[in-house]
């Protein structure tokens, strides 16, 4: 009706290249929120 989409997300990203013993190459986003308007 208002063409709005919103929700929550959680994502983990891991770098595939580099030193395999280095686990600092990880990005974790928790309790993320998004809201967008969809144009017709």
PDB file of N, CA and C in Angstrom:
ATOM      1  N   UNK A   1       0.823  -1.193   0.000  1.00  0.00           N
ATOM      2  CA  UNK A   1       0.000   0.000   0.000  1.00  0.00           C
ATOM      3  C   UNK A   1       0.867   1.256   0.000  1.00  0.00           C
ATOM      4  N   UNK A   2       1.899   1.288   0.831  1.00  0.00           N
ATOM      5  CA  UNK A   2       2.787   2.454   0.897  1.00  0.00           C
ATOM      6  C   UNK A   2       4.099   2.221   0.155  1.00  0.00           C
ATOM      7  N   UNK A   3       4.252   1.033  -0.453  1.00  0.00           N
ATOM      8  CA  UNK A   3       5.475   0.672  -1.187  1.00  0.00           C
ATOM      9  C   UNK A   3       6.730   0.783  -0.323  1.00  0.00           C
ATOM     10  N   UNK A   4       6.628   0.365   0.936  1.00  0.00           N
ATOM     11  CA  UNK A   4       7.766   0.386   1.858  1.00  0.00           C
ATOM     12  C   UNK A   4       8.076  -1.050   2.274  1.00  0.00           C
ATOM     13  N   UNK A   5       9.366  -1.373   2.245  1.00  0.00           N
ATOM     14  CA  UNK A   5       9.823  -2.671   2.732  1.00  0.00           C
ATOM     15  C   UNK A   5      10.816  -2.410   3.860  1.00  0.00           C
ATOM     16  N   UNK A   6      10.695  -3.172   4.947  1.00  0.00           N
ATOM     17  CA  UNK A   6      11.624  -3.008   6.058  1.00  0.00           C
ATOM     18  C   UNK A   6      11.793  -4.341   6.755  1.00  0.00           C
ATOM     19  N   UNK A   7      12.911  -4.485   7.456  1.00  0.00           N
ATOM     20  CA  UNK A   7      13.178  -5.731   8.153  1.00  0.00           C
ATOM     21  C   UNK A   7      14.497  -5.693   8.898  1.00  0.00           C
ATOM     22  N   UNK A   8      14.866  -6.836   9.434  1.00  0.00           N
ATOM     23  CA  UNK A   8      16.101  -6.997  10.203  1.00  0.00           C
ATOM     24  C   UNK A   8      16.996  -7.998   9.484  1.00  0.00           C
ATOM     25  N   UNK A   9      18.312  -7.890   9.710  1.00  0.00           N
ATOM     26  CA  UNK A   9      19.223  -8.848   9.109  1.00  0.00           C
ATOM     27  C   UNK A   9      20.443  -9.058   9.994  1.00  0.00           C
ATOM     28  N   UNK A  10      21.111 -10.186   9.762  1.00  0.00           N
ATOM     29  CA  UNK A  10      22.397 -10.507  10.385  1.00  0.00           C
ATOM     30  C   UNK A  10      23.252 -11.151   9.309  1.00  0.00           C
ATOM     31  N   UNK A  11      24.503 -10.723   9.207  1.00  0.00           N
ATOM     32  CA  UNK A  11      25.381 -11.228   8.156  1.00  0.00           C
ATOM     33  C   UNK A  11      26.809 -11.377   8.686  1.00  0.00           C
ATOM     34  N   UNK A  12      27.478 -12.432   8.234  1.00  0.00           N
ATOM     35  CA  UNK A  12      28.901 -12.639   8.535  1.00  0.00           C
ATOM     36  C   UNK A  12      29.641 -12.751   7.213  1.00  0.00           C
ATOM     37  N   UNK A  13      30.708 -11.974   7.065  1.00  0.00           N
ATOM     38  CA  UNK A  13      31.531 -12.002   5.852  1.00  0.00           C
ATOM     39  C   UNK A  13      32.936 -12.435   6.230  1.00  0.00           C
ATOM     40  N   UNK A  14      33.500 -13.359   5.469  1.00  0.00           N
ATOM     41  CA  UNK A  14      34.833 -13.883   5.742  1.00  0.00           C
ATOM     42  C   UNK A  14      35.705 -13.702   4.505  1.00  0.00           C
ATOM     43  N   UNK A  15      36.877 -13.109   4.666  1.00  0.00           N
ATOM     44  CA  UNK A  15      37.818 -12.930   3.581  1.00  0.00           C
ATOM     45  C   UNK A  15      38.377 -14.292   3.180  1.00  0.00           C
ATOM     46  N   UNK A  16      38.266 -14.644   1.904  1.00  0.00           N
ATOM     47  CA  UNK A  16      38.694 -15.963   1.442  1.00  0.00           C
ATOM     48  C   UNK A  16      40.172 -16.022   1.096  1.00  0.00           C
ATOM     49  N   UNK A  17      40.830 -14.889   0.876  1.00  0.00           N
ATOM     50  CA  UNK A  17      42.250 -14.894   0.535  1.00  0.00           C
ATOM     51  C   UNK A  17      43.045 -14.363   1.709  1.00  0.00           C
ATOM     52  N   UNK A  18      44.306 -14.737   1.760  1.00  0.00           N
ATOM     53  CA  UNK A  18      45.167 -14.272   2.826  1.00  0.00           C
ATOM     54  C   UNK A  18      45.647 -15.425   3.692  1.00  0.00           C
ATOM     55  N   UNK A  19      46.196 -15.100   4.831  1.00  0.00           N
ATOM     56  CA  UNK A  19      46.744 -16.085   5.764  1.00  0.00           C
ATOM     57  C   UNK A  19      45.603 -16.888   6.390  1.00  0.00           C
ATOM     58  N   UNK A  20      45.536 -18.197   6.156  1.00  0.00           N
ATOM     59  CA  UNK A  20      44.438 -19.000   6.713  1.00  0.00           C
ATOM     60  C   UNK A  20      44.435 -19.067   8.241  1.00  0.00           C
ATOM     61  N   UNK A  21      45.560 -18.723   8.874  1.00  0.00           N
ATOM     62  CA  UNK A  21      45.615 -18.738  10.339  1.00  0.00           C
ATOM     63  C   UNK A  21      45.164 -17.405  10.941  1.00  0.00           C
ATOM     64  N   UNK A  22      44.891 -16.426  10.097  1.00  0.00           N
ATOM     65  CA  UNK A  22      44.480 -15.113  10.571  1.00  0.00           C
ATOM     66  C   UNK A  22      42.953 -15.008  10.497  1.00  0.00           C
ATOM     67  N   UNK A  23      42.300 -15.134  11.626  1.00  0.00           N
ATOM     68  CA  UNK A  23      40.838 -15.120  11.668  1.00  0.00           C
ATOM     69  C   UNK A  23      40.290 -13.717  11.930  1.00  0.00           C
ATOM     70  N   UNK A  24      41.161 -12.696  11.854  1.00  0.00           N
ATOM     71  CA  UNK A  24      40.703 -11.324  12.046  1.00  0.00           C
ATOM     72  C   UNK A  24      40.040 -10.770  10.794  1.00  0.00           C
ATOM     73  N   UNK A  25      40.099 -11.497   9.686  1.00  0.00           N
ATOM     74  CA  UNK A  25      39.522 -11.047   8.425  1.00  0.00           C
ATOM     75  C   UNK A  25      38.048 -11.420   8.334  1.00  0.00           C
ATOM     76  N   UNK A  26      37.290 -11.105   9.370  1.00  0.00           N
ATOM     77  CA  UNK A  26      35.875 -11.450   9.419  1.00  0.00           C
ATOM     78  C   UNK A  26      35.085 -10.216   9.846  1.00  0.00           C
ATOM     79  N   UNK A  27      33.992  -9.968   9.160  1.00  0.00           N
ATOM     80  CA  UNK A  27      33.115  -8.853   9.488  1.00  0.00           C
ATOM     81  C   UNK A  27      31.754  -9.419   9.845  1.00  0.00           C
ATOM     82  N   UNK A  28      31.253  -9.091  11.024  1.00  0.00           N
ATOM     83  CA  UNK A  28      29.958  -9.580  11.488  1.00  0.00           C
ATOM     84  C   UNK A  28      29.065  -8.380  11.789  1.00  0.00           C
ATOM     85  N   UNK A  29      27.905  -8.354  11.170  1.00  0.00           N
ATOM     86  CA  UNK A  29      26.901  -7.322  11.442  1.00  0.00           C
ATOM     87  C   UNK A  29      25.692  -8.008  12.062  1.00  0.00           C
ATOM     88  N   UNK A  30      25.334  -7.593  13.264  1.00  0.00           N
ATOM     89  CA  UNK A  30      24.194  -8.190  13.958  1.00  0.00           C
ATOM     90  C   UNK A  30      23.147  -7.122  14.233  1.00  0.00           C
ATOM     91  N   UNK A  31      21.908  -7.549  14.270  1.00  0.00           N
ATOM     92  CA  UNK A  31      20.774  -6.670  14.556  1.00  0.00           C
ATOM     93  C   UNK A  31      20.705  -5.497  13.581  1.00  0.00           C
ATOM     94  N   UNK A  32      21.063  -5.755  12.326  1.00  0.00           N
ATOM     95  CA  UNK A  32      20.961  -4.717  11.301  1.00  0.00           C
ATOM     96  C   UNK A  32      19.509  -4.483  10.933  1.00  0.00           C
ATOM     97  N   UNK A  33      19.198  -3.275  10.576  1.00  0.00           N
ATOM     98  CA  UNK A  33      17.833  -2.925  10.162  1.00  0.00           C
ATOM     99  C   UNK A  33      17.900  -2.202   8.829  1.00  0.00           C
ATOM    100  N   UNK A  34      16.862  -2.394   8.018  1.00  0.00           N
ATOM    101  CA  UNK A  34      16.785  -1.669   6.759  1.00  0.00           C
ATOM    102  C   UNK A  34      15.350  -1.242   6.510  1.00  0.00           C
ATOM    103  N   UNK A  35      15.222  -0.179   5.742  1.00  0.00           N
ATOM    104  CA  UNK A  35      13.914   0.328   5.329  1.00  0.00           C
ATOM    105  C   UNK A  35      14.110   0.994   3.983  1.00  0.00           C
ATOM    106  N   UNK A  36      13.283   0.652   3.016  1.00  0.00           N
ATOM    107  CA  UNK A  36      13.417   1.199   1.667  1.00  0.00           C
ATOM    108  C   UNK A  36      12.045   1.452   1.075  1.00  0.00           C
ATOM    109  N   UNK A  37      11.997   2.441   0.218  1.00  0.00           N
ATOM    110  CA  UNK A  37      10.785   2.731  -0.552  1.00  0.00           C
ATOM    111  C   UNK A  37      10.948   2.150  -1.933  1.00  0.00           C
ATOM    112  N   UNK A  38       9.942   1.436  -2.406  1.00  0.00           N
ATOM    113  CA  UNK A  38       9.982   0.813  -3.717  1.00  0.00           C
ATOM    114  C   UNK A  38       9.215   1.707  -4.702  1.00  0.00           C
ATOM    115  N   UNK A  39       9.928   2.131  -5.761  1.00  0.00           N
ATOM    116  CA  UNK A  39       9.297   2.945  -6.790  1.00  0.00           C
ATOM    117  C   UNK A  39       8.590   2.036  -7.788  1.00  0.00           C
ATOM    118  N   UNK A  40       7.474   2.471  -8.275  1.00  0.00           N
ATOM    119  CA  UNK A  40       6.733   1.707  -9.308  1.00  0.00           C
ATOM    120  C   UNK A  40       7.111   2.175 -10.682  1.00  0.00           C
TER     121      UNK A  40
END
